[in-house]
Amino acid sequence: MINPLHIIWIAFIVCMCLALLVLIEIRRIEYRRENEEMFGTKAFDDKVAAVGFTDKEKRTLDKIIRASSFENKDAILNSSGLFEQAVAAFYDFRKGVFSVRDETLEAVARLRNKLDFTASNPLSEVFSTRQFNEGDRIDIILENGTVVKRSEIVRRNEKEWAISYDGNDGSLAAFANREITVRWTRPDDAIYSTNLVVRYVEPGILVLPHSSLLDKRQLRRWVREQVAFPVTAIFDDGSTTGGMLLDLSAGGIMIGFPRECYPGQHLRIQFELPSFGEENVEIEILRNLGHKNKDYPNYFCLTASFHGAFGWTQERVLQYLFEANKAKKQAQKRVKEA
């Protein structure tokens, strides 16, 4: 009869051997990445020479690449997303951004600017708050979801960023270690938002950690059609107001009301969709553009997205847009033929 203790020892030795093999393979891969020439090195060197990095920036960029999982060295120069992914991995490898020397952090910031991977470049995709810029306008949404402050970024570095706050809603010191939602609108692109815990406060300023967990909501994913449909809004408190639907898409709308609404506010609207009947759908306010429409000077123009169970409305809106676009093209064709 086999002694159970022998079986335990055999299993232990097998596990130790497997673990040793795994460690050897990991070390071999790390050695190769740190010492061997990577794919795309020639293209990488040519691009680096064209940009004109300093020696410190070159060394920092090489460290960032070696800390990433990329096989192609050239990849990091071609995408803001890959750059931010590699930077985050580099900070994690160094046990957090606060463990990295300031001169290295400054080199990373210069690399981002020289590669034009900041949010100010309309061709650059946004993946991290480190790409935001000083002066960008920010919405602050507090825990109760009802108070919104218009703010701006007053400083930003690799460790943290700070936004202005006037403190009229209570003691500013009370915001330390509290979670808030920040929302930034990039014109002609999307609305980016994330939840962050305030690190600390300064006079008139909230200091925040960086985040790569950005919720992106497209502003113009769908084809839009300018309309002028009367609409009724029903608010959470049961009050109603009349307004005008100004443009329409399968993803959202622009709507005009005689009363203000704030970003993040939810309400229901009712309107008549030609040929399809009455629609009753929940919406979420995205932006308040003020008195923008000259045809309705007393209305606040609000962009909004459909929310909740809106699949049936979306399907009928798509059909309406298809028919409207088809009728428009036929009318243009008749004008040309005439």
C-alpha atoms as a PDB file:
ATOM      1  CA  MET A   1       0.000   0.000   0.000  1.00  0.00           C
ATOM      2  CA  ILE A   2       1.299   3.449  -1.026  1.00  0.00           C
ATOM      3  CA  ASN A   3       2.002   5.799   1.843  1.00  0.00           C
ATOM      4  CA  PRO A   4      -0.192   8.974   1.465  1.00  0.00           C
ATOM      5  CA  LEU A   5       2.739  11.029   2.671  1.00  0.00           C
ATOM      6  CA  HIS A   6       4.777   9.869  -0.332  1.00  0.00           C
ATOM      7  CA  ILE A   7       1.991  10.976  -2.697  1.00  0.00           C
ATOM      8  CA  ILE A   8       1.944  14.425  -1.057  1.00  0.00           C
ATOM      9  CA  TRP A   9       5.732  14.744  -1.416  1.00  0.00           C
ATOM     10  CA  ILE A  10       5.628  13.676  -5.084  1.00  0.00           C
ATOM     11  CA  ALA A  11       2.851  16.209  -5.830  1.00  0.00           C
ATOM     12  CA  PHE A  12       4.824  18.919  -4.017  1.00  0.00           C
ATOM     13  CA  ILE A  13       7.989  18.181  -6.009  1.00  0.00           C
ATOM     14  CA  VAL A  14       6.049  18.206  -9.303  1.00  0.00           C
ATOM     15  CA  CYS A  15       4.454  21.565  -8.445  1.00  0.00           C
ATOM     16  CA  MET A  16       7.837  23.029  -7.493  1.00  0.00           C
ATOM     17  CA  CYS A  17       9.342  21.851 -10.776  1.00  0.00           C
ATOM     18  CA  LEU A  18       6.495  23.407 -12.769  1.00  0.00           C
ATOM     19  CA  ALA A  19       6.813  26.666 -10.835  1.00  0.00           C
ATOM     20  CA  LEU A  20      10.577  26.705 -11.486  1.00  0.00           C
ATOM     21  CA  LEU A  21      10.022  26.189 -15.219  1.00  0.00           C
ATOM     22  CA  VAL A  22       7.523  29.057 -15.261  1.00  0.00           C
ATOM     23  CA  LEU A  23       9.951  31.370 -13.451  1.00  0.00           C
ATOM     24  CA  ILE A  24      12.777  30.417 -15.837  1.00  0.00           C
ATOM     25  CA  GLU A  25      10.556  31.178 -18.856  1.00  0.00           C
ATOM     26  CA  ILE A  26       9.457  34.517 -17.372  1.00  0.00           C
ATOM     27  CA  ARG A  27      13.067  35.466 -16.701  1.00  0.00           C
ATOM     28  CA  ARG A  28      14.069  34.398 -20.211  1.00  0.00           C
ATOM     29  CA  ILE A  29      11.360  36.593 -21.735  1.00  0.00           C
ATOM     30  CA  GLU A  30      12.357  39.530 -19.504  1.00  0.00           C
ATOM     31  CA  TYR A  31      16.017  39.128 -20.447  1.00  0.00           C
ATOM     32  CA  ARG A  32      15.138  39.002 -24.140  1.00  0.00           C
ATOM     33  CA  ARG A  33      12.970  42.122 -23.852  1.00  0.00           C
ATOM     34  CA  GLU A  34      15.652  44.010 -21.928  1.00  0.00           C
ATOM     35  CA  ASN A  35      18.591  43.055 -24.100  1.00  0.00           C
ATOM     36  CA  GLU A  36      17.560  41.749 -27.511  1.00  0.00           C
ATOM     37  CA  GLU A  37      16.513  43.934 -30.415  1.00  0.00           C
ATOM     38  CA  MET A  38      12.728  44.177 -30.740  1.00  0.00           C
ATOM     39  CA  PHE A  39      10.648  44.064 -33.915  1.00  0.00           C
ATOM     40  CA  GLY A  40      10.186  47.453 -35.564  1.00  0.00           C
ATOM     41  CA  THR A  41      13.422  48.881 -34.142  1.00  0.00           C
ATOM     42  CA  LYS A  42      14.515  50.420 -37.487  1.00  0.00           C
ATOM     43  CA  ALA A  43      11.157  52.179 -38.010  1.00  0.00           C
ATOM     44  CA  PHE A  44      11.194  53.238 -34.356  1.00  0.00           C
ATOM     45  CA  ASP A  45      14.678  54.773 -34.635  1.00  0.00           C
ATOM     46  CA  ASP A  46      13.720  56.666 -37.797  1.00  0.00           C
ATOM     47  CA  LYS A  47      10.606  58.177 -36.174  1.00  0.00           C
ATOM     48  CA  VAL A  48      12.443  59.070 -32.974  1.00  0.00           C
ATOM     49  CA  ALA A  49      15.107  60.867 -34.996  1.00  0.00           C
ATOM     50  CA  ALA A  50      12.429  62.811 -36.893  1.00  0.00           C
ATOM     51  CA  VAL A  51      10.658  63.961 -33.702  1.00  0.00           C
ATOM     52  CA  GLY A  52      13.855  65.138 -32.042  1.00  0.00           C
ATOM     53  CA  PHE A  53      13.698  63.634 -28.544  1.00  0.00           C
ATOM     54  CA  THR A  54      16.359  64.499 -25.969  1.00  0.00           C
ATOM     55  CA  ASP A  55      18.636  61.755 -24.625  1.00  0.00           C
ATOM     56  CA  LYS A  56      16.602  61.634 -21.405  1.00  0.00           C
ATOM     57  CA  GLU A  57      13.369  61.305 -23.359  1.00  0.00           C
ATOM     58  CA  LYS A  58      14.851  58.501 -25.470  1.00  0.00           C
ATOM     59  CA  ARG A  59      15.959  56.588 -22.368  1.00  0.00           C
ATOM     60  CA  THR A  60      12.567  57.075 -20.726  1.00  0.00           C
ATOM     61  CA  LEU A  61      10.727  55.966 -23.852  1.00  0.00           C
ATOM     62  CA  ASP A  62      12.868  52.828 -24.043  1.00  0.00           C
ATOM     63  CA  LYS A  63      12.070  52.010 -20.388  1.00  0.00           C
ATOM     64  CA  ILE A  64       8.360  52.489 -21.040  1.00  0.00           C
ATOM     65  CA  ILE A  65       8.492  50.124 -24.010  1.00  0.00           C
ATOM     66  CA  ARG A  66      10.482  47.486 -22.112  1.00  0.00           C
ATOM     67  CA  ALA A  67       7.883  47.553 -19.316  1.00  0.00           C
ATOM     68  CA  SER A  68       5.024  47.019 -21.776  1.00  0.00           C
ATOM     69  CA  SER A  69       3.795  43.812 -23.399  1.00  0.00           C
ATOM     70  CA  PHE A  70       4.408  45.077 -26.947  1.00  0.00           C
ATOM     71  CA  GLU A  71       6.396  42.919 -29.331  1.00  0.00           C
ATOM     72  CA  ASN A  72       6.708  45.692 -31.915  1.00  0.00           C
ATOM     73  CA  LYS A  73       8.822  48.603 -30.648  1.00  0.00           C
ATOM     74  CA  ASP A  74       7.355  50.915 -33.273  1.00  0.00           C
ATOM     75  CA  ALA A  75       3.768  50.438 -32.041  1.00  0.00           C
ATOM     76  CA  ILE A  76       3.947  52.953 -29.194  1.00  0.00           C
ATOM     77  CA  LEU A  77       4.613  55.829 -31.596  1.00  0.00           C
ATOM     78  CA  ASN A  78       1.548  55.107 -33.716  1.00  0.00           C
ATOM     79  CA  SER A  79      -1.288  55.276 -31.191  1.00  0.00           C
ATOM     80  CA  SER A  80      -2.158  57.454 -28.206  1.00  0.00           C
ATOM     81  CA  GLY A  81      -3.995  54.462 -26.742  1.00  0.00           C
ATOM     82  CA  LEU A  82      -0.928  52.220 -26.884  1.00  0.00           C
ATOM     83  CA  PHE A  83       1.207  55.032 -25.469  1.00  0.00           C
ATOM     84  CA  GLU A  84      -1.099  55.542 -22.467  1.00  0.00           C
ATOM     85  CA  GLN A  85      -1.356  51.774 -21.952  1.00  0.00           C
ATOM     86  CA  ALA A  86       2.429  51.497 -21.914  1.00  0.00           C
ATOM     87  CA  VAL A  87       2.803  54.491 -19.567  1.00  0.00           C
ATOM     88  CA  ALA A  88       0.316  52.962 -17.100  1.00  0.00           C
ATOM     89  CA  ALA A  89       2.198  49.638 -17.205  1.00  0.00           C
ATOM     90  CA  PHE A  90       5.481  51.481 -16.638  1.00  0.00           C
ATOM     91  CA  TYR A  91       4.103  53.231 -13.536  1.00  0.00           C
ATOM     92  CA  ASP A  92       2.717  49.938 -12.212  1.00  0.00           C
ATOM     93  CA  PHE A  93       6.097  48.284 -12.805  1.00  0.00           C
ATOM     94  CA  ARG A  94       7.726  51.070 -10.771  1.00  0.00           C
ATOM     95  CA  LYS A  95       5.268  50.435  -7.894  1.00  0.00           C
ATOM     96  CA  GLY A  96       3.116  53.447  -8.698  1.00  0.00           C
ATOM     97  CA  VAL A  97       3.551  56.879 -10.208  1.00  0.00           C
ATOM     98  CA  PHE A  98       4.594  58.396  -6.852  1.00  0.00           C
ATOM     99  CA  SER A  99       7.647  56.119  -6.789  1.00  0.00           C
ATOM    100  CA  VAL A 100       8.975  57.468 -10.089  1.00  0.00           C
ATOM    101  CA  ARG A 101      11.508  60.305 -10.093  1.00  0.00           C
ATOM    102  CA  ASP A 102      10.173  63.739 -10.995  1.00  0.00           C
ATOM    103  CA  GLU A 103      12.616  64.167 -13.880  1.00  0.00           C
ATOM    104  CA  THR A 104      11.358  60.901 -15.406  1.00  0.00           C
ATOM    105  CA  LEU A 105       7.728  62.018 -14.986  1.00  0.00           C
ATOM    106  CA  GLU A 106       8.548  65.300 -16.699  1.00  0.00           C
ATOM    107  CA  ALA A 107      10.146  63.368 -19.557  1.00  0.00           C
ATOM    108  CA  VAL A 108       6.968  61.273 -19.956  1.00  0.00           C
ATOM    109  CA  ALA A 109       4.869  64.456 -20.143  1.00  0.00           C
ATOM    110  CA  ARG A 110       7.198  65.901 -22.791  1.00  0.00           C
ATOM    111  CA  LEU A 111       7.003  62.664 -24.790  1.00  0.00           C
ATOM    112  CA  ARG A 112       3.194  62.885 -24.829  1.00  0.00           C
ATOM    113  CA  ASN A 113       3.334  66.501 -26.003  1.00  0.00           C
ATOM    114  CA  LYS A 114       5.954  65.886 -28.686  1.00  0.00           C
ATOM    115  CA  LEU A 115       4.037  62.892 -30.021  1.00  0.00           C
ATOM    116  CA  ASP A 116       0.908  65.100 -30.037  1.00  0.00           C
ATOM    117  CA  PHE A 117      -1.056  62.548 -28.000  1.00  0.00           C
ATOM    118  CA  THR A 118      -2.851  65.134 -25.850  1.00  0.00           C
ATOM    119  CA  ALA A 119      -6.590  65.771 -26.115  1.00  0.00           C
ATOM    120  CA  SER A 120      -5.939  69.077 -27.895  1.00  0.00           C
ATOM    121  CA  ASN A 121      -5.090  67.096 -31.045  1.00  0.00           C
ATOM    122  CA  PRO A 122      -8.473  66.260 -32.656  1.00  0.00           C
ATOM    123  CA  LEU A 123      -6.914  63.211 -34.354  1.00  0.00           C
ATOM    124  CA  SER A 124      -5.693  61.772 -31.050  1.00  0.00           C
ATOM    125  CA  GLU A 125      -7.969  59.373 -29.161  1.00  0.00           C
ATOM    126  CA  VAL A 126      -8.431  60.018 -25.439  1.00  0.00           C
ATOM    127  CA  PHE A 127      -7.813  57.154 -22.999  1.00  0.00           C
ATOM    128  CA  SER A 128      -6.584  58.876 -19.829  1.00  0.00           C
ATOM    129  CA  THR A 129      -7.099  62.045 -17.809  1.00  0.00           C
ATOM    130  CA  ARG A 130      -3.351  62.615 -18.289  1.00  0.00           C
ATOM    131  CA  GLN A 131      -4.244  63.696 -21.833  1.00  0.00           C
ATOM    132  CA  PHE A 132      -6.488  66.516 -20.597  1.00  0.00           C
ATOM    133  CA  ASN A 133      -5.107  70.042 -20.762  1.00  0.00           C
ATOM    134  CA  GLU A 134      -4.996  73.011 -18.423  1.00  0.00           C
ATOM    135  CA  GLY A 135      -7.899  75.323 -19.163  1.00  0.00           C
ATOM    136  CA  ASP A 136     -10.265  72.524 -20.266  1.00  0.00           C
ATOM    137  CA  ARG A 137     -13.770  73.040 -18.876  1.00  0.00           C
ATOM    138  CA  ILE A 138     -15.026  70.319 -16.544  1.00  0.00           C
ATOM    139  CA  ASP A 139     -18.435  69.479 -15.039  1.00  0.00           C
ATOM    140  CA  ILE A 140     -18.391  68.326 -11.415  1.00  0.00           C
ATOM    141  CA  ILE A 141     -21.288  66.116 -10.300  1.00  0.00           C
ATOM    142  CA  LEU A 142     -21.503  65.556  -6.564  1.00  0.00           C
ATOM    143  CA  GLU A 143     -22.567  62.395  -4.734  1.00  0.00           C
ATOM    144  CA  ASN A 144     -26.259  63.284  -4.636  1.00  0.00           C
ATOM    145  CA  GLY A 145     -26.265  63.784  -8.405  1.00  0.00           C
ATOM    146  CA  THR A 146     -28.195  67.044  -8.231  1.00  0.00           C
ATOM    147  CA  VAL A 147     -25.516  69.737  -7.967  1.00  0.00           C
ATOM    148  CA  VAL A 148     -23.313  70.524 -10.933  1.00  0.00           C
ATOM    149  CA  LYS A 149     -20.485  73.032 -10.966  1.00  0.00           C
ATOM    150  CA  ARG A 150     -18.848  74.480 -14.033  1.00  0.00           C
ATOM    151  CA  SER A 151     -15.108  74.245 -13.439  1.00  0.00           C
ATOM    152  CA  GLU A 152     -11.796  74.128 -15.264  1.00  0.00           C
ATOM    153  CA  ILE A 153      -8.476  72.319 -15.015  1.00  0.00           C
ATOM    154  CA  VAL A 154      -5.998  74.618 -13.276  1.00  0.00           C
ATOM    155  CA  ARG A 155      -2.997  72.279 -13.335  1.00  0.00           C
ATOM    156  CA  ARG A 156      -2.038  68.785 -14.475  1.00  0.00           C
ATOM    157  CA  ASN A 157       1.040  66.622 -14.121  1.00  0.00           C
ATOM    158  CA  GLU A 158       1.704  62.893 -14.251  1.00  0.00           C
ATOM    159  CA  LYS A 159       0.843  62.363 -10.571  1.00  0.00           C
ATOM    160  CA  GLU A 160      -2.418  64.308 -10.264  1.00  0.00           C
ATOM    161  CA  TRP A 161      -4.601  67.047 -11.669  1.00  0.00           C
ATOM    162  CA  ALA A 162      -6.514  69.891 -10.066  1.00  0.00           C
ATOM    163  CA  ILE A 163      -9.821  71.576 -10.899  1.00  0.00           C
ATOM    164  CA  SER A 164     -11.266  74.822  -9.609  1.00  0.00           C
ATOM    165  CA  TYR A 165     -14.240  74.788  -7.242  1.00  0.00           C
ATOM    166  CA  ASP A 166     -15.873  77.824  -5.613  1.00  0.00           C
ATOM    167  CA  GLY A 167     -17.058  75.940  -2.539  1.00  0.00           C
ATOM    168  CA  ASN A 168     -20.483  77.548  -2.276  1.00  0.00           C
ATOM    169  CA  ASP A 169     -22.126  74.185  -1.559  1.00  0.00           C
ATOM    170  CA  GLY A 170     -20.408  73.770   1.818  1.00  0.00           C
ATOM    171  CA  SER A 171     -16.997  73.570   3.365  1.00  0.00           C
ATOM    172  CA  LEU A 172     -14.353  72.798   0.755  1.00  0.00           C
ATOM    173  CA  ALA A 173     -12.412  70.688   3.250  1.00  0.00           C
ATOM    174  CA  ALA A 174     -15.345  68.259   3.426  1.00  0.00           C
ATOM    175  CA  PHE A 175     -14.602  67.120  -0.143  1.00  0.00           C
ATOM    176  CA  ALA A 176     -11.317  65.433   0.794  1.00  0.00           C
ATOM    177  CA  ASN A 177     -11.642  61.642   0.286  1.00  0.00           C
ATOM    178  CA  ARG A 178     -15.148  62.048  -1.165  1.00  0.00           C
ATOM    179  CA  GLU A 179     -16.105  60.568  -4.517  1.00  0.00           C
ATOM    180  CA  ILE A 180     -17.234  62.882  -7.277  1.00  0.00           C
ATOM    181  CA  THR A 181     -17.991  62.455 -10.962  1.00  0.00           C
ATOM    182  CA  VAL A 182     -16.091  64.590 -13.448  1.00  0.00           C
ATOM    183  CA  ARG A 183     -17.374  65.038 -16.973  1.00  0.00           C
ATOM    184  CA  TRP A 184     -15.465  66.620 -19.865  1.00  0.00           C
ATOM    185  CA  THR A 185     -16.921  67.380 -23.272  1.00  0.00           C
ATOM    186  CA  ARG A 186     -14.591  67.223 -26.248  1.00  0.00           C
ATOM    187  CA  PRO A 187     -16.145  69.256 -29.077  1.00  0.00           C
ATOM    188  CA  ASP A 188     -17.272  67.190 -32.091  1.00  0.00           C
ATOM    189  CA  ASP A 189     -16.168  63.966 -30.399  1.00  0.00           C
ATOM    190  CA  ALA A 190     -17.639  62.684 -27.147  1.00  0.00           C
ATOM    191  CA  ILE A 191     -18.405  63.253 -23.489  1.00  0.00           C
ATOM    192  CA  TYR A 192     -15.876  61.611 -21.166  1.00  0.00           C
ATOM    193  CA  SER A 193     -16.692  60.908 -17.525  1.00  0.00           C
ATOM    194  CA  THR A 194     -15.189  59.036 -14.599  1.00  0.00           C
ATOM    195  CA  ASN A 195     -15.678  58.669 -10.842  1.00  0.00           C
ATOM    196  CA  LEU A 196     -12.757  59.825  -8.710  1.00  0.00           C
ATOM    197  CA  VAL A 197     -12.026  60.218  -5.005  1.00  0.00           C
ATOM    198  CA  VAL A 198     -10.696  63.693  -4.144  1.00  0.00           C
ATOM    199  CA  ARG A 199      -7.099  63.323  -2.906  1.00  0.00           C
ATOM    200  CA  TYR A 200      -6.986  66.614  -1.016  1.00  0.00           C
ATOM    201  CA  VAL A 201      -8.153  70.204  -1.289  1.00  0.00           C
ATOM    202  CA  GLU A 202      -6.483  73.580  -1.623  1.00  0.00           C
ATOM    203  CA  PRO A 203      -8.114  77.020  -1.495  1.00  0.00           C
ATOM    204  CA  GLY A 204     -10.688  76.931  -4.314  1.00  0.00           C
ATOM    205  CA  ILE A 205      -9.222  73.713  -5.758  1.00  0.00           C
ATOM    206  CA  LEU A 206      -9.982  69.970  -5.704  1.00  0.00           C
ATOM    207  CA  VAL A 207      -6.940  67.762  -6.362  1.00  0.00           C
ATOM    208  CA  LEU A 208      -7.739  64.457  -8.083  1.00  0.00           C
ATOM    209  CA  PRO A 209      -5.920  61.238  -9.025  1.00  0.00           C
ATOM    210  CA  HIS A 210      -5.607  60.275 -12.676  1.00  0.00           C
ATOM    211  CA  SER A 211      -7.788  57.621 -14.275  1.00  0.00           C
ATOM    212  CA  SER A 212      -7.765  55.519 -17.419  1.00  0.00           C
ATOM    213  CA  LEU A 213     -11.312  54.280 -16.745  1.00  0.00           C
ATOM    214  CA  LEU A 214     -13.090  56.841 -18.893  1.00  0.00           C
ATOM    215  CA  ASP A 215     -16.694  56.339 -19.924  1.00  0.00           C
ATOM    216  CA  LYS A 216     -16.988  57.662 -23.474  1.00  0.00           C
ATOM    217  CA  ARG A 217     -20.336  58.755 -24.860  1.00  0.00           C
ATOM    218  CA  GLN A 218     -20.287  59.700 -28.534  1.00  0.00           C
ATOM    219  CA  LEU A 219     -21.805  63.049 -29.483  1.00  0.00           C
ATOM    220  CA  ARG A 220     -22.394  62.253 -33.142  1.00  0.00           C
ATOM    221  CA  ARG A 221     -22.579  58.505 -33.608  1.00  0.00           C
ATOM    222  CA  TRP A 222     -25.831  58.689 -35.612  1.00  0.00           C
ATOM    223  CA  VAL A 223     -27.014  60.710 -38.609  1.00  0.00           C
ATOM    224  CA  ARG A 224     -29.091  63.637 -37.377  1.00  0.00           C
ATOM    225  CA  GLU A 225     -32.057  65.332 -38.964  1.00  0.00           C
ATOM    226  CA  GLN A 226     -33.128  68.867 -38.119  1.00  0.00           C
ATOM    227  CA  VAL A 227     -36.784  68.869 -37.061  1.00  0.00           C
ATOM    228  CA  ALA A 228     -39.305  71.082 -35.302  1.00  0.00           C
ATOM    229  CA  PHE A 229     -41.615  68.784 -33.351  1.00  0.00           C
ATOM    230  CA  PRO A 230     -43.591  70.023 -30.313  1.00  0.00           C
ATOM    231  CA  VAL A 231     -42.577  68.080 -27.216  1.00  0.00           C
ATOM    232  CA  THR A 232     -43.760  67.759 -23.635  1.00  0.00           C
ATOM    233  CA  ALA A 233     -41.312  67.032 -20.806  1.00  0.00           C
ATOM    234  CA  ILE A 234     -42.287  65.300 -17.560  1.00  0.00           C
ATOM    235  CA  PHE A 235     -39.881  65.807 -14.659  1.00  0.00           C
ATOM    236  CA  ASP A 236     -39.300  63.623 -11.590  1.00  0.00           C
ATOM    237  CA  ASP A 237     -41.378  65.919  -9.382  1.00  0.00           C
ATOM    238  CA  GLY A 238     -44.370  65.518 -11.724  1.00  0.00           C
ATOM    239  CA  SER A 239     -44.102  68.990 -13.248  1.00  0.00           C
ATOM    240  CA  THR A 240     -44.293  69.409 -17.025  1.00  0.00           C
ATOM    241  CA  THR A 241     -43.186  71.909 -19.610  1.00  0.00           C
ATOM    242  CA  GLY A 242     -43.629  72.299 -23.334  1.00  0.00           C
ATOM    243  CA  GLY A 243     -40.770  72.670 -25.751  1.00  0.00           C
ATOM    244  CA  MET A 244     -39.486  71.851 -29.196  1.00  0.00           C
ATOM    245  CA  LEU A 245     -37.505  68.922 -30.559  1.00  0.00           C
ATOM    246  CA  LEU A 246     -34.811  70.607 -32.672  1.00  0.00           C
ATOM    247  CA  ASP A 247     -32.861  67.685 -34.121  1.00  0.00           C
ATOM    248  CA  LEU A 248     -33.239  63.940 -33.977  1.00  0.00           C
ATOM    249  CA  SER A 249     -31.070  60.841 -34.305  1.00  0.00           C
ATOM    250  CA  ALA A 250     -31.341  57.209 -33.258  1.00  0.00           C
ATOM    251  CA  GLY A 251     -28.865  57.881 -30.460  1.00  0.00           C
ATOM    252  CA  GLY A 252     -30.086  61.175 -29.086  1.00  0.00           C
ATOM    253  CA  ILE A 253     -31.638  64.568 -29.656  1.00  0.00           C
ATOM    254  CA  MET A 254     -31.336  68.295 -29.286  1.00  0.00           C
ATOM    255  CA  ILE A 255     -34.296  69.753 -27.478  1.00  0.00           C
ATOM    256  CA  GLY A 256     -35.406  73.255 -26.505  1.00  0.00           C
ATOM    257  CA  PHE A 257     -37.126  74.101 -23.190  1.00  0.00           C
ATOM    258  CA  PRO A 258     -38.015  77.408 -21.532  1.00  0.00           C
ATOM    259  CA  ARG A 259     -36.410  76.135 -18.299  1.00  0.00           C
ATOM    260  CA  GLU A 260     -32.846  75.032 -17.599  1.00  0.00           C
ATOM    261  CA  CYS A 261     -31.784  71.428 -17.093  1.00  0.00           C
ATOM    262  CA  TYR A 262     -28.442  70.151 -15.849  1.00  0.00           C
ATOM    263  CA  PRO A 263     -26.125  67.460 -17.291  1.00  0.00           C
ATOM    264  CA  GLY A 264     -27.015  64.053 -15.900  1.00  0.00           C
ATOM    265  CA  GLN A 265     -30.665  64.944 -15.265  1.00  0.00           C
ATOM    266  CA  HIS A 266     -33.239  62.317 -16.284  1.00  0.00           C
ATOM    267  CA  LEU A 267     -36.771  63.071 -17.510  1.00  0.00           C
ATOM    268  CA  ARG A 268     -39.401  61.706 -19.858  1.00  0.00           C
ATOM    269  CA  ILE A 269     -40.516  63.348 -23.100  1.00  0.00           C
ATOM    270  CA  GLN A 270     -43.545  62.835 -25.314  1.00  0.00           C
ATOM    271  CA  PHE A 271     -43.654  63.852 -28.968  1.00  0.00           C
ATOM    272  CA  GLU A 272     -45.396  62.880 -32.190  1.00  0.00           C
ATOM    273  CA  LEU A 273     -43.161  61.173 -34.752  1.00  0.00           C
ATOM    274  CA  PRO A 274     -44.680  61.740 -38.220  1.00  0.00           C
ATOM    275  CA  SER A 275     -46.143  58.557 -39.732  1.00  0.00           C
ATOM    276  CA  PHE A 276     -45.317  56.548 -36.582  1.00  0.00           C
ATOM    277  CA  GLY A 277     -47.362  58.073 -33.785  1.00  0.00           C
ATOM    278  CA  GLU A 278     -46.652  59.226 -30.259  1.00  0.00           C
ATOM    279  CA  GLU A 279     -43.341  58.435 -28.566  1.00  0.00           C
ATOM    280  CA  ASN A 280     -42.843  58.387 -24.805  1.00  0.00           C
ATOM    281  CA  VAL A 281     -39.224  57.868 -23.815  1.00  0.00           C
ATOM    282  CA  GLU A 282     -36.755  58.602 -21.017  1.00  0.00           C
ATOM    283  CA  ILE A 283     -33.776  60.844 -21.800  1.00  0.00           C
ATOM    284  CA  GLU A 284     -30.603  61.947 -20.017  1.00  0.00           C
ATOM    285  CA  ILE A 285     -29.417  65.545 -20.436  1.00  0.00           C
ATOM    286  CA  LEU A 286     -25.825  65.702 -21.709  1.00  0.00           C
ATOM    287  CA  ARG A 287     -25.119  69.408 -22.244  1.00  0.00           C
ATOM    288  CA  ASN A 288     -26.822  72.747 -21.761  1.00  0.00           C
ATOM    289  CA  LEU A 289     -25.848  74.950 -24.721  1.00  0.00           C
ATOM    290  CA  GLY A 290     -27.815  77.990 -23.572  1.00  0.00           C
ATOM    291  CA  HIS A 291     -29.905  80.170 -25.900  1.00  0.00           C
ATOM    292  CA  LYS A 292     -28.292  78.879 -29.073  1.00  0.00           C
ATOM    293  CA  ASN A 293     -31.167  78.571 -31.559  1.00  0.00           C
ATOM    294  CA  LYS A 294     -32.119  81.914 -33.140  1.00  0.00           C
ATOM    295  CA  ASP A 295     -35.538  80.544 -34.144  1.00  0.00           C
ATOM    296  CA  TYR A 296     -36.354  79.838 -30.484  1.00  0.00           C
ATOM    297  CA  PRO A 297     -34.464  82.562 -28.571  1.00  0.00           C
ATOM    298  CA  ASN A 298     -36.295  81.906 -25.285  1.00  0.00           C
ATOM    299  CA  TYR A 299     -35.443  78.214 -25.214  1.00  0.00           C
ATOM    300  CA  PHE A 300     -32.412  76.597 -23.591  1.00  0.00           C
ATOM    301  CA  CYS A 301     -30.879  74.226 -26.143  1.00  0.00           C
ATOM    302  CA  LEU A 302     -30.093  70.863 -24.554  1.00  0.00           C
ATOM    303  CA  THR A 303     -28.379  67.811 -26.015  1.00  0.00           C
ATOM    304  CA  ALA A 304     -29.647  64.512 -24.639  1.00  0.00           C
ATOM    305  CA  SER A 305     -29.377  60.764 -25.159  1.00  0.00           C
ATOM    306  CA  PHE A 306     -32.152  58.196 -24.995  1.00  0.00           C
ATOM    307  CA  HIS A 307     -32.114  56.204 -21.786  1.00  0.00           C
ATOM    308  CA  GLY A 308     -33.770  53.123 -20.351  1.00  0.00           C
ATOM    309  CA  ALA A 309     -36.002  50.977 -22.596  1.00  0.00           C
ATOM    310  CA  PHE A 310     -35.862  52.926 -25.840  1.00  0.00           C
ATOM    311  CA  GLY A 311     -35.340  50.147 -28.398  1.00  0.00           C
ATOM    312  CA  TRP A 312     -38.781  50.506 -30.001  1.00  0.00           C
ATOM    313  CA  THR A 313     -38.426  54.297 -30.226  1.00  0.00           C
ATOM    314  CA  GLN A 314     -34.931  53.924 -31.691  1.00  0.00           C
ATOM    315  CA  GLU A 315     -36.194  51.538 -34.368  1.00  0.00           C
ATOM    316  CA  ARG A 316     -39.001  53.898 -35.410  1.00  0.00           C
ATOM    317  CA  VAL A 317     -36.653  56.905 -35.387  1.00  0.00           C
ATOM    318  CA  LEU A 318     -34.291  55.021 -37.702  1.00  0.00           C
ATOM    319  CA  GLN A 319     -37.200  54.284 -40.065  1.00  0.00           C
ATOM    320  CA  TYR A 320     -38.271  57.912 -39.963  1.00  0.00           C
ATOM    321  CA  LEU A 321     -34.731  59.144 -40.694  1.00  0.00           C
ATOM    322  CA  PHE A 322     -34.441  56.704 -43.588  1.00  0.00           C
ATOM    323  CA  GLU A 323     -37.725  57.898 -45.106  1.00  0.00           C
ATOM    324  CA  ALA A 324     -36.883  61.571 -44.513  1.00  0.00           C
ATOM    325  CA  ASN A 325     -33.456  61.195 -46.110  1.00  0.00           C
ATOM    326  CA  LYS A 326     -34.947  59.279 -49.034  1.00  0.00           C
ATOM    327  CA  ALA A 327     -37.596  61.994 -49.605  1.00  0.00           C
ATOM    328  CA  LYS A 328     -34.909  64.698 -49.431  1.00  0.00           C
ATOM    329  CA  LYS A 329     -32.777  62.974 -52.082  1.00  0.00           C
ATOM    330  CA  GLN A 330     -35.797  62.500 -54.354  1.00  0.00           C
ATOM    331  CA  ALA A 331     -36.670  66.179 -54.035  1.00  0.00           C
ATOM    332  CA  GLN A 332     -33.095  67.187 -54.907  1.00  0.00           C
ATOM    333  CA  LYS A 333     -33.184  64.862 -57.919  1.00  0.00           C
ATOM    334  CA  ARG A 334     -36.416  66.427 -59.172  1.00  0.00           C
ATOM    335  CA  VAL A 335     -34.931  69.901 -58.819  1.00  0.00           C
ATOM    336  CA  LYS A 336     -31.882  68.876 -60.895  1.00  0.00           C
ATOM    337  CA  GLU A 337     -34.064  67.279 -63.570  1.00  0.00           C
ATOM    338  CA  ALA A 338     -36.213  70.389 -63.784  1.00  0.00           C
END
